[in-house]
Amino acid sequence: MTNRATIIMATLGYRRVSTTDQHLDRQDLQDCERIFEEKLSGAGGYERPALNDLLSYARDGDTVLVWSIDRLARDLRDLQDIVSQLNEKGVTVQFLTERLTFDPQGNDALAKLQLQMMGAFAEFERNIIKKRQLEGIEKAKERGVYANHGRKPTIDRDKVKRLREDGLSTYKIAAQMGISRMSVHRILNG
């Protein structure tokens, strides 16, 4: 018979970004024995190998650290399901940005309410972003500047940098290049 006090439990981490050109390093998960990470959209629910590995690997008494709720799940149902699966295994889940902890005992009614509210807000925000993106695509099609070739268009990074050196604002660069301000910021700060 093993004395539970002598068993060392692990602190595990889960990090995810939506695309391969994004970086995981802003999701700082210090002091984790093992970090599960992937670069792909969370919209597919459980079609994420690292998440599935984490769900299989986590054991009773472990703690899983996640930078923020939106890194673990993209909608409320998936969020609740993933946290429940881990809690049922005796695993505590901590979201660092939101400062929320969900332990297996599940005796914190306020934490449960916050999880549901924050998950609902994250899902709502994602839906708004998706709607705006579709509206932008429609407007671009109307102007005749949208072509879906199945891959991301190549941006002339050097031209963006030259325009900035010429004193143009990020707004003007984005308008002139026909790209988003976020793309301009990524190029200038990358």
N, C-alpha and C. Protein backbone atom coordinates (compact mmCIF):
# COMPACT_ATOMS: atom_id res chain seq x y z
N MET A 1 0.84 -1.18 0.00
CA MET A 1 0.00 0.00 0.00
C MET A 1 0.89 1.24 0.00
N THR A 2 0.63 2.16 -0.89
CA THR A 2 1.43 3.37 -1.03
C THR A 2 0.85 4.49 -0.19
N ASN A 3 1.72 5.17 0.54
CA ASN A 3 1.31 6.31 1.33
C ASN A 3 1.15 7.50 0.39
N ARG A 4 -0.05 8.08 0.31
CA ARG A 4 -0.34 9.19 -0.62
C ARG A 4 0.60 10.36 -0.37
N ALA A 5 1.03 10.59 0.82
CA ALA A 5 1.90 11.73 1.14
C ALA A 5 3.26 11.61 0.46
N THR A 6 3.69 10.38 0.12
CA THR A 6 4.99 10.21 -0.52
C THR A 6 4.93 10.29 -2.04
N ILE A 7 3.72 10.31 -2.59
CA ILE A 7 3.58 10.40 -4.04
C ILE A 7 3.74 11.85 -4.46
N ILE A 8 4.65 12.08 -5.42
CA ILE A 8 4.88 13.43 -5.90
C ILE A 8 3.99 13.67 -7.11
N MET A 9 3.13 14.67 -7.01
CA MET A 9 2.23 15.01 -8.11
C MET A 9 2.89 16.06 -8.99
N ALA A 10 2.45 16.13 -10.21
CA ALA A 10 3.09 17.00 -11.20
C ALA A 10 2.28 18.28 -11.43
N THR A 11 3.03 19.32 -11.79
CA THR A 11 2.43 20.54 -12.31
C THR A 11 2.65 20.50 -13.81
N LEU A 12 1.54 20.46 -14.54
CA LEU A 12 1.58 20.34 -15.99
C LEU A 12 1.12 21.66 -16.60
N GLY A 13 1.54 21.92 -17.82
CA GLY A 13 1.11 23.13 -18.51
C GLY A 13 0.51 22.81 -19.85
N TYR A 14 -0.39 23.69 -20.30
CA TYR A 14 -0.95 23.56 -21.65
C TYR A 14 -0.87 24.93 -22.31
N ARG A 15 -0.21 24.97 -23.48
CA ARG A 15 -0.08 26.22 -24.25
C ARG A 15 -0.55 25.96 -25.68
N ARG A 16 -1.27 26.96 -26.23
CA ARG A 16 -1.74 26.82 -27.61
C ARG A 16 -1.81 28.19 -28.27
N VAL A 17 -1.39 28.22 -29.52
CA VAL A 17 -1.62 29.38 -30.38
C VAL A 17 -2.36 28.87 -31.60
N SER A 18 -3.02 29.79 -32.32
CA SER A 18 -3.91 29.38 -33.40
C SER A 18 -3.23 29.09 -34.72
N THR A 19 -2.04 29.66 -34.94
CA THR A 19 -1.36 29.45 -36.22
C THR A 19 0.12 29.17 -35.98
N THR A 20 0.75 28.59 -36.98
CA THR A 20 2.16 28.21 -36.84
C THR A 20 3.10 29.41 -36.78
N ASP A 21 2.65 30.58 -37.27
CA ASP A 21 3.54 31.75 -37.21
C ASP A 21 3.41 32.55 -35.92
N GLN A 22 2.53 32.11 -35.02
CA GLN A 22 2.42 32.75 -33.71
C GLN A 22 3.39 32.08 -32.73
N HIS A 23 3.72 32.78 -31.66
CA HIS A 23 4.70 32.28 -30.70
C HIS A 23 4.04 31.89 -29.38
N LEU A 24 4.53 30.80 -28.81
CA LEU A 24 4.01 30.30 -27.54
C LEU A 24 4.63 30.99 -26.33
N ASP A 25 5.76 31.68 -26.52
CA ASP A 25 6.52 32.18 -25.38
C ASP A 25 5.83 33.26 -24.56
N ARG A 26 4.82 33.93 -25.06
CA ARG A 26 4.12 34.91 -24.22
C ARG A 26 3.25 34.22 -23.17
N GLN A 27 2.97 32.95 -23.38
CA GLN A 27 2.21 32.17 -22.40
C GLN A 27 3.21 31.53 -21.43
N ASP A 28 3.66 32.32 -20.48
CA ASP A 28 4.72 31.91 -19.56
C ASP A 28 4.17 30.98 -18.48
N LEU A 29 4.55 29.71 -18.56
CA LEU A 29 4.12 28.71 -17.58
C LEU A 29 5.36 28.18 -16.87
N GLN A 30 5.78 28.91 -15.87
CA GLN A 30 7.00 28.53 -15.15
C GLN A 30 6.73 27.36 -14.21
N ASP A 31 7.78 26.66 -13.88
CA ASP A 31 7.76 25.60 -12.88
C ASP A 31 6.85 24.42 -13.23
N CYS A 32 6.69 24.14 -14.51
CA CYS A 32 5.92 22.97 -14.93
C CYS A 32 6.89 21.82 -15.20
N GLU A 33 6.54 20.64 -14.72
CA GLU A 33 7.36 19.47 -15.01
C GLU A 33 7.26 19.08 -16.48
N ARG A 34 6.07 19.33 -17.05
CA ARG A 34 5.86 18.98 -18.46
C ARG A 34 4.84 19.97 -19.05
N ILE A 35 5.13 20.43 -20.27
CA ILE A 35 4.22 21.35 -20.93
C ILE A 35 3.76 20.72 -22.24
N PHE A 36 2.46 20.71 -22.44
CA PHE A 36 1.85 20.21 -23.66
C PHE A 36 1.52 21.44 -24.50
N GLU A 37 2.02 21.48 -25.74
CA GLU A 37 1.79 22.67 -26.54
C GLU A 37 1.52 22.32 -27.99
N GLU A 38 0.74 23.21 -28.62
CA GLU A 38 0.43 23.01 -30.03
C GLU A 38 0.13 24.34 -30.70
N LYS A 39 0.29 24.31 -32.01
CA LYS A 39 0.05 25.49 -32.84
C LYS A 39 -1.04 25.15 -33.84
N LEU A 40 -2.26 25.28 -33.41
CA LEU A 40 -3.41 25.07 -34.28
C LEU A 40 -4.66 25.61 -33.63
N SER A 41 -5.68 25.80 -34.42
CA SER A 41 -6.91 26.42 -33.94
C SER A 41 -7.59 25.55 -32.88
N GLY A 42 -8.18 26.21 -31.90
CA GLY A 42 -8.93 25.51 -30.87
C GLY A 42 -10.36 25.23 -31.29
N ALA A 43 -10.76 25.72 -32.46
CA ALA A 43 -12.14 25.59 -32.91
C ALA A 43 -12.54 24.14 -33.13
N GLY A 44 -11.57 23.27 -33.32
CA GLY A 44 -11.88 21.87 -33.57
C GLY A 44 -12.18 21.06 -32.32
N GLY A 45 -12.29 21.73 -31.19
CA GLY A 45 -12.60 21.01 -29.95
C GLY A 45 -11.49 20.07 -29.55
N TYR A 46 -11.76 18.76 -29.59
CA TYR A 46 -10.79 17.78 -29.13
C TYR A 46 -9.87 17.28 -30.24
N GLU A 47 -9.90 17.87 -31.41
CA GLU A 47 -9.02 17.47 -32.50
C GLU A 47 -7.67 18.15 -32.32
N ARG A 48 -7.17 18.10 -31.09
CA ARG A 48 -5.88 18.71 -30.77
C ARG A 48 -5.04 17.65 -30.06
N PRO A 49 -4.01 17.16 -30.72
CA PRO A 49 -3.20 16.07 -30.16
C PRO A 49 -2.61 16.38 -28.78
N ALA A 50 -2.05 17.58 -28.58
CA ALA A 50 -1.43 17.89 -27.29
C ALA A 50 -2.47 17.93 -26.18
N LEU A 51 -3.66 18.45 -26.46
CA LEU A 51 -4.72 18.46 -25.46
C LEU A 51 -5.12 17.04 -25.12
N ASN A 52 -5.27 16.19 -26.13
CA ASN A 52 -5.60 14.79 -25.87
C ASN A 52 -4.52 14.09 -25.06
N ASP A 53 -3.25 14.41 -25.35
CA ASP A 53 -2.14 13.83 -24.58
C ASP A 53 -2.21 14.29 -23.13
N LEU A 54 -2.51 15.57 -22.92
CA LEU A 54 -2.64 16.10 -21.56
C LEU A 54 -3.78 15.40 -20.82
N LEU A 55 -4.93 15.27 -21.47
CA LEU A 55 -6.08 14.61 -20.83
C LEU A 55 -5.76 13.17 -20.45
N SER A 56 -4.96 12.49 -21.27
CA SER A 56 -4.57 11.10 -20.97
C SER A 56 -3.51 11.04 -19.88
N TYR A 57 -2.59 11.99 -19.90
CA TYR A 57 -1.43 11.95 -19.01
C TYR A 57 -1.74 12.40 -17.57
N ALA A 58 -2.60 13.39 -17.41
CA ALA A 58 -2.86 13.97 -16.08
C ALA A 58 -3.40 12.92 -15.12
N ARG A 59 -2.90 13.00 -13.86
CA ARG A 59 -3.26 12.03 -12.84
C ARG A 59 -3.84 12.72 -11.62
N ASP A 60 -4.48 11.94 -10.80
CA ASP A 60 -5.06 12.42 -9.54
C ASP A 60 -3.99 13.18 -8.75
N GLY A 61 -4.31 14.39 -8.36
CA GLY A 61 -3.39 15.21 -7.58
C GLY A 61 -2.57 16.19 -8.41
N ASP A 62 -2.55 16.01 -9.73
CA ASP A 62 -1.80 16.93 -10.61
C ASP A 62 -2.52 18.28 -10.68
N THR A 63 -1.76 19.28 -11.11
CA THR A 63 -2.31 20.61 -11.39
C THR A 63 -1.95 20.97 -12.82
N VAL A 64 -2.94 21.46 -13.56
CA VAL A 64 -2.72 21.90 -14.94
C VAL A 64 -2.81 23.42 -14.97
N LEU A 65 -1.74 24.05 -15.47
CA LEU A 65 -1.71 25.51 -15.62
C LEU A 65 -1.99 25.86 -17.08
N VAL A 66 -2.87 26.84 -17.28
CA VAL A 66 -3.19 27.33 -18.62
C VAL A 66 -3.13 28.85 -18.55
N TRP A 67 -2.52 29.47 -19.56
CA TRP A 67 -2.34 30.93 -19.54
C TRP A 67 -3.68 31.65 -19.44
N SER A 68 -4.64 31.27 -20.29
CA SER A 68 -5.96 31.90 -20.23
C SER A 68 -7.01 30.96 -20.79
N ILE A 69 -8.25 31.23 -20.44
CA ILE A 69 -9.37 30.37 -20.83
C ILE A 69 -9.42 30.14 -22.33
N ASP A 70 -9.20 31.19 -23.12
CA ASP A 70 -9.32 31.05 -24.57
C ASP A 70 -8.22 30.18 -25.18
N ARG A 71 -7.18 29.87 -24.44
CA ARG A 71 -6.14 28.97 -24.93
C ARG A 71 -6.55 27.51 -24.78
N LEU A 72 -7.45 27.23 -23.83
CA LEU A 72 -7.88 25.85 -23.60
C LEU A 72 -9.07 25.47 -24.47
N ALA A 73 -10.02 26.38 -24.63
CA ALA A 73 -11.24 26.05 -25.37
C ALA A 73 -11.76 27.27 -26.10
N ARG A 74 -12.56 27.02 -27.14
CA ARG A 74 -13.10 28.12 -27.94
C ARG A 74 -14.58 28.36 -27.68
N ASP A 75 -15.24 27.44 -27.01
CA ASP A 75 -16.63 27.70 -26.67
C ASP A 75 -16.91 27.16 -25.28
N LEU A 76 -18.01 27.60 -24.73
CA LEU A 76 -18.34 27.30 -23.34
C LEU A 76 -18.50 25.81 -23.10
N ARG A 77 -19.15 25.13 -24.02
CA ARG A 77 -19.37 23.69 -23.83
C ARG A 77 -18.05 22.93 -23.74
N ASP A 78 -17.12 23.23 -24.65
CA ASP A 78 -15.81 22.56 -24.62
C ASP A 78 -15.05 22.91 -23.34
N LEU A 79 -15.11 24.17 -22.94
CA LEU A 79 -14.43 24.61 -21.73
C LEU A 79 -14.92 23.83 -20.52
N GLN A 80 -16.23 23.78 -20.36
CA GLN A 80 -16.80 23.06 -19.22
C GLN A 80 -16.46 21.58 -19.28
N ASP A 81 -16.50 21.01 -20.48
CA ASP A 81 -16.23 19.59 -20.65
C ASP A 81 -14.78 19.25 -20.30
N ILE A 82 -13.84 20.06 -20.78
CA ILE A 82 -12.42 19.80 -20.52
C ILE A 82 -12.11 19.94 -19.03
N VAL A 83 -12.60 21.02 -18.41
CA VAL A 83 -12.36 21.23 -16.98
C VAL A 83 -13.00 20.09 -16.19
N SER A 84 -14.21 19.69 -16.56
CA SER A 84 -14.89 18.59 -15.86
C SER A 84 -14.11 17.28 -15.98
N GLN A 85 -13.62 16.99 -17.20
CA GLN A 85 -12.83 15.76 -17.39
C GLN A 85 -11.61 15.73 -16.48
N LEU A 86 -10.92 16.85 -16.42
CA LEU A 86 -9.73 16.91 -15.57
C LEU A 86 -10.10 16.82 -14.10
N ASN A 87 -11.13 17.55 -13.68
CA ASN A 87 -11.55 17.51 -12.28
C ASN A 87 -12.00 16.11 -11.88
N GLU A 88 -12.69 15.39 -12.77
CA GLU A 88 -13.14 14.03 -12.47
C GLU A 88 -11.97 13.08 -12.26
N LYS A 89 -10.82 13.40 -12.85
CA LYS A 89 -9.61 12.59 -12.66
C LYS A 89 -8.86 13.01 -11.40
N GLY A 90 -9.37 14.02 -10.69
CA GLY A 90 -8.70 14.50 -9.49
C GLY A 90 -7.66 15.58 -9.78
N VAL A 91 -7.76 16.21 -10.95
CA VAL A 91 -6.79 17.21 -11.40
C VAL A 91 -7.34 18.61 -11.18
N THR A 92 -6.50 19.50 -10.65
CA THR A 92 -6.86 20.90 -10.48
C THR A 92 -6.47 21.66 -11.73
N VAL A 93 -7.31 22.59 -12.17
CA VAL A 93 -7.03 23.41 -13.35
C VAL A 93 -6.95 24.87 -12.91
N GLN A 94 -5.84 25.54 -13.31
CA GLN A 94 -5.66 26.95 -12.96
C GLN A 94 -5.49 27.76 -14.24
N PHE A 95 -6.26 28.85 -14.35
CA PHE A 95 -6.12 29.80 -15.45
C PHE A 95 -5.41 31.01 -14.88
N LEU A 96 -4.20 31.27 -15.37
CA LEU A 96 -3.35 32.31 -14.78
C LEU A 96 -3.87 33.72 -15.04
N THR A 97 -4.26 34.02 -16.26
CA THR A 97 -4.71 35.38 -16.59
C THR A 97 -5.95 35.75 -15.80
N GLU A 98 -6.90 34.84 -15.74
CA GLU A 98 -8.16 35.12 -15.07
C GLU A 98 -8.10 34.88 -13.55
N ARG A 99 -6.98 34.28 -13.12
CA ARG A 99 -6.78 33.93 -11.70
C ARG A 99 -7.93 33.07 -11.14
N LEU A 100 -8.25 32.04 -11.91
CA LEU A 100 -9.30 31.11 -11.51
C LEU A 100 -8.70 29.73 -11.30
N THR A 101 -9.17 29.06 -10.27
CA THR A 101 -8.73 27.70 -9.97
C THR A 101 -9.95 26.81 -9.80
N PHE A 102 -9.90 25.66 -10.46
CA PHE A 102 -10.99 24.70 -10.37
C PHE A 102 -10.42 23.39 -9.85
N ASP A 103 -10.77 23.10 -8.60
CA ASP A 103 -10.24 21.89 -7.98
C ASP A 103 -11.24 20.76 -8.12
N PRO A 104 -10.79 19.52 -7.92
CA PRO A 104 -11.66 18.35 -8.10
C PRO A 104 -12.86 18.33 -7.17
N GLN A 105 -12.75 18.98 -6.01
CA GLN A 105 -13.87 18.98 -5.08
C GLN A 105 -15.03 19.83 -5.60
N GLY A 106 -14.73 20.80 -6.46
CA GLY A 106 -15.75 21.62 -7.10
C GLY A 106 -16.65 22.35 -6.13
N ASN A 107 -16.09 22.71 -4.97
CA ASN A 107 -16.93 23.32 -3.94
C ASN A 107 -16.94 24.85 -3.99
N ASP A 108 -16.38 25.42 -5.02
CA ASP A 108 -16.35 26.88 -5.15
C ASP A 108 -17.39 27.32 -6.17
N ALA A 109 -18.59 27.64 -5.69
CA ALA A 109 -19.69 28.03 -6.58
C ALA A 109 -19.35 29.29 -7.37
N LEU A 110 -18.64 30.23 -6.75
CA LEU A 110 -18.27 31.47 -7.43
C LEU A 110 -17.32 31.18 -8.60
N ALA A 111 -16.37 30.28 -8.39
CA ALA A 111 -15.44 29.93 -9.47
C ALA A 111 -16.20 29.29 -10.64
N LYS A 112 -17.17 28.44 -10.34
CA LYS A 112 -17.97 27.82 -11.40
C LYS A 112 -18.74 28.88 -12.18
N LEU A 113 -19.33 29.83 -11.47
CA LEU A 113 -20.06 30.90 -12.13
C LEU A 113 -19.13 31.72 -13.01
N GLN A 114 -17.95 32.06 -12.49
CA GLN A 114 -16.99 32.84 -13.26
C GLN A 114 -16.54 32.09 -14.51
N LEU A 115 -16.32 30.79 -14.38
CA LEU A 115 -15.92 29.98 -15.53
C LEU A 115 -16.99 30.04 -16.61
N GLN A 116 -18.24 29.88 -16.23
CA GLN A 116 -19.32 29.91 -17.20
C GLN A 116 -19.45 31.29 -17.84
N MET A 117 -19.34 32.34 -17.04
CA MET A 117 -19.47 33.70 -17.58
C MET A 117 -18.30 34.02 -18.52
N MET A 118 -17.08 33.73 -18.07
CA MET A 118 -15.91 34.05 -18.89
C MET A 118 -15.89 33.20 -20.16
N GLY A 119 -16.28 31.95 -20.06
CA GLY A 119 -16.35 31.09 -21.23
C GLY A 119 -17.38 31.60 -22.22
N ALA A 120 -18.52 32.06 -21.70
CA ALA A 120 -19.56 32.61 -22.58
C ALA A 120 -19.07 33.88 -23.26
N PHE A 121 -18.35 34.74 -22.52
CA PHE A 121 -17.81 35.97 -23.12
C PHE A 121 -16.76 35.65 -24.19
N ALA A 122 -15.92 34.65 -23.92
CA ALA A 122 -14.90 34.27 -24.91
C ALA A 122 -15.56 33.75 -26.18
N GLU A 123 -16.59 32.95 -26.02
CA GLU A 123 -17.31 32.42 -27.18
C GLU A 123 -18.00 33.56 -27.95
N PHE A 124 -18.61 34.49 -27.23
CA PHE A 124 -19.27 35.63 -27.84
C PHE A 124 -18.26 36.47 -28.63
N GLU A 125 -17.11 36.72 -28.03
CA GLU A 125 -16.07 37.52 -28.68
C GLU A 125 -15.59 36.82 -29.96
N ARG A 126 -15.40 35.52 -29.89
CA ARG A 126 -14.96 34.77 -31.06
C ARG A 126 -15.98 34.86 -32.18
N ASN A 127 -17.27 34.77 -31.84
CA ASN A 127 -18.32 34.87 -32.85
C ASN A 127 -18.35 36.25 -33.49
N ILE A 128 -18.13 37.29 -32.71
CA ILE A 128 -18.09 38.66 -33.25
C ILE A 128 -16.91 38.80 -34.21
N ILE A 129 -15.75 38.30 -33.82
CA ILE A 129 -14.57 38.38 -34.67
C ILE A 129 -14.82 37.64 -35.99
N LYS A 130 -15.42 36.47 -35.90
CA LYS A 130 -15.72 35.68 -37.09
C LYS A 130 -16.68 36.44 -38.01
N LYS A 131 -17.69 37.07 -37.42
CA LYS A 131 -18.66 37.84 -38.21
C LYS A 131 -17.97 39.01 -38.90
N ARG A 132 -17.12 39.73 -38.17
CA ARG A 132 -16.39 40.85 -38.76
C ARG A 132 -15.50 40.39 -39.90
N GLN A 133 -14.86 39.25 -39.70
CA GLN A 133 -13.98 38.71 -40.73
C GLN A 133 -14.78 38.41 -41.99
N LEU A 134 -15.93 37.78 -41.84
CA LEU A 134 -16.76 37.46 -43.00
C LEU A 134 -17.26 38.73 -43.70
N GLU A 135 -17.62 39.75 -42.90
CA GLU A 135 -18.04 41.03 -43.48
C GLU A 135 -16.89 41.67 -44.25
N GLY A 136 -15.69 41.61 -43.71
CA GLY A 136 -14.51 42.15 -44.39
C GLY A 136 -14.24 41.43 -45.69
N ILE A 137 -14.39 40.12 -45.70
CA ILE A 137 -14.19 39.34 -46.91
C ILE A 137 -15.22 39.73 -47.97
N GLU A 138 -16.48 39.89 -47.54
CA GLU A 138 -17.53 40.29 -48.49
C GLU A 138 -17.22 41.66 -49.10
N LYS A 139 -16.79 42.62 -48.28
CA LYS A 139 -16.46 43.95 -48.79
C LYS A 139 -15.26 43.89 -49.75
N ALA A 140 -14.28 43.07 -49.41
CA ALA A 140 -13.11 42.91 -50.28
C ALA A 140 -13.52 42.29 -51.61
N LYS A 141 -14.45 41.34 -51.58
CA LYS A 141 -14.93 40.73 -52.81
C LYS A 141 -15.66 41.76 -53.66
N GLU A 142 -16.47 42.62 -53.01
CA GLU A 142 -17.18 43.67 -53.73
C GLU A 142 -16.21 44.63 -54.42
N ARG A 143 -15.08 44.90 -53.77
CA ARG A 143 -14.07 45.79 -54.35
C ARG A 143 -13.19 45.07 -55.36
N GLY A 144 -13.33 43.75 -55.41
CA GLY A 144 -12.54 42.97 -56.35
C GLY A 144 -11.11 42.72 -55.91
N VAL A 145 -10.84 42.83 -54.61
CA VAL A 145 -9.48 42.65 -54.12
C VAL A 145 -9.31 41.37 -53.29
N TYR A 146 -10.34 40.55 -53.24
CA TYR A 146 -10.25 39.32 -52.46
C TYR A 146 -10.17 38.13 -53.40
N ALA A 147 -9.18 37.32 -53.18
CA ALA A 147 -9.06 36.07 -53.93
C ALA A 147 -8.63 34.99 -52.96
N ASN A 148 -9.39 33.95 -52.85
CA ASN A 148 -9.06 32.86 -51.94
C ASN A 148 -8.34 31.78 -52.74
N HIS A 149 -7.04 31.72 -52.59
CA HIS A 149 -6.23 30.74 -53.30
C HIS A 149 -5.84 29.56 -52.42
N GLY A 150 -6.49 29.46 -51.26
CA GLY A 150 -6.19 28.35 -50.38
C GLY A 150 -4.94 28.53 -49.54
N ARG A 151 -4.31 29.67 -49.63
CA ARG A 151 -3.15 29.93 -48.79
C ARG A 151 -3.12 31.42 -48.47
N LYS A 152 -2.35 31.76 -47.49
CA LYS A 152 -2.24 33.15 -47.07
C LYS A 152 -1.49 33.96 -48.14
N PRO A 153 -1.96 35.17 -48.41
CA PRO A 153 -1.23 36.00 -49.36
C PRO A 153 0.12 36.40 -48.78
N THR A 154 1.08 36.55 -49.66
CA THR A 154 2.41 36.96 -49.23
C THR A 154 2.45 38.48 -49.11
N ILE A 155 2.96 38.96 -48.00
CA ILE A 155 3.07 40.39 -47.76
C ILE A 155 4.51 40.80 -47.98
N ASP A 156 4.71 41.89 -48.69
CA ASP A 156 6.05 42.41 -48.91
C ASP A 156 6.52 43.09 -47.61
N ARG A 157 7.20 42.33 -46.77
CA ARG A 157 7.64 42.81 -45.46
C ARG A 157 8.60 43.99 -45.57
N ASP A 158 9.48 43.92 -46.54
CA ASP A 158 10.45 45.01 -46.72
C ASP A 158 9.75 46.32 -47.07
N LYS A 159 8.72 46.23 -47.89
CA LYS A 159 7.98 47.45 -48.26
C LYS A 159 7.29 48.05 -47.03
N VAL A 160 6.73 47.19 -46.18
CA VAL A 160 6.09 47.67 -44.95
C VAL A 160 7.12 48.43 -44.10
N LYS A 161 8.30 47.87 -43.96
CA LYS A 161 9.35 48.51 -43.16
C LYS A 161 9.82 49.82 -43.80
N ARG A 162 9.93 49.83 -45.12
CA ARG A 162 10.33 51.07 -45.81
C ARG A 162 9.29 52.17 -45.62
N LEU A 163 8.02 51.81 -45.72
CA LEU A 163 6.95 52.79 -45.54
C LEU A 163 6.98 53.37 -44.12
N ARG A 164 7.30 52.51 -43.16
CA ARG A 164 7.40 52.98 -41.77
C ARG A 164 8.58 53.95 -41.64
N GLU A 165 9.71 53.59 -42.25
CA GLU A 165 10.90 54.45 -42.22
C GLU A 165 10.62 55.79 -42.90
N ASP A 166 9.70 55.78 -43.88
CA ASP A 166 9.32 57.02 -44.56
C ASP A 166 8.36 57.86 -43.73
N GLY A 167 8.00 57.35 -42.54
CA GLY A 167 7.18 58.12 -41.61
C GLY A 167 5.69 57.85 -41.67
N LEU A 168 5.26 56.85 -42.43
CA LEU A 168 3.84 56.54 -42.50
C LEU A 168 3.38 55.86 -41.21
N SER A 169 2.16 56.16 -40.80
CA SER A 169 1.58 55.51 -39.62
C SER A 169 1.17 54.08 -39.98
N THR A 170 0.92 53.29 -38.96
CA THR A 170 0.49 51.91 -39.21
C THR A 170 -0.84 51.89 -39.96
N TYR A 171 -1.70 52.87 -39.67
CA TYR A 171 -2.99 52.96 -40.39
C TYR A 171 -2.75 53.16 -41.89
N LYS A 172 -1.87 54.11 -42.22
CA LYS A 172 -1.62 54.43 -43.62
C LYS A 172 -0.90 53.29 -44.34
N ILE A 173 0.01 52.63 -43.63
CA ILE A 173 0.70 51.48 -44.22
C ILE A 173 -0.31 50.38 -44.53
N ALA A 174 -1.17 50.09 -43.57
CA ALA A 174 -2.18 49.04 -43.75
C ALA A 174 -3.08 49.36 -44.94
N ALA A 175 -3.52 50.63 -45.03
CA ALA A 175 -4.40 51.02 -46.13
C ALA A 175 -3.67 50.92 -47.47
N GLN A 176 -2.45 51.38 -47.52
CA GLN A 176 -1.69 51.36 -48.77
C GLN A 176 -1.37 49.94 -49.22
N MET A 177 -1.06 49.07 -48.26
CA MET A 177 -0.68 47.69 -48.59
C MET A 177 -1.90 46.77 -48.74
N GLY A 178 -3.07 47.24 -48.25
CA GLY A 178 -4.26 46.40 -48.32
C GLY A 178 -4.22 45.25 -47.33
N ILE A 179 -3.60 45.52 -46.17
CA ILE A 179 -3.50 44.50 -45.11
C ILE A 179 -4.03 45.09 -43.81
N SER A 180 -4.16 44.26 -42.80
CA SER A 180 -4.66 44.73 -41.51
C SER A 180 -3.56 45.45 -40.74
N ARG A 181 -3.97 46.29 -39.81
CA ARG A 181 -3.01 46.96 -38.92
C ARG A 181 -2.26 45.93 -38.09
N MET A 182 -2.95 44.86 -37.70
CA MET A 182 -2.30 43.81 -36.90
C MET A 182 -1.15 43.19 -37.69
N SER A 183 -1.34 43.00 -39.00
CA SER A 183 -0.25 42.45 -39.82
C SER A 183 0.92 43.41 -39.84
N VAL A 184 0.62 44.71 -39.96
CA VAL A 184 1.68 45.72 -39.95
C VAL A 184 2.43 45.66 -38.63
N HIS A 185 1.69 45.61 -37.52
CA HIS A 185 2.33 45.55 -36.19
C HIS A 185 3.19 44.31 -36.05
N ARG A 186 2.68 43.14 -36.53
CA ARG A 186 3.45 41.90 -36.42
C ARG A 186 4.76 42.01 -37.20
N ILE A 187 4.71 42.60 -38.38
CA ILE A 187 5.92 42.74 -39.20
C ILE A 187 6.90 43.70 -38.55
N LEU A 188 6.41 44.83 -38.05
CA LEU A 188 7.30 45.83 -37.45
C LEU A 188 7.86 45.38 -36.11
N ASN A 189 7.12 44.57 -35.37
CA ASN A 189 7.57 44.14 -34.04
C ASN A 189 8.18 42.76 -34.05
N GLY A 190 8.14 42.09 -35.18
CA GLY A 190 8.60 40.69 -35.26
C GLY A 190 10.01 40.52 -35.54
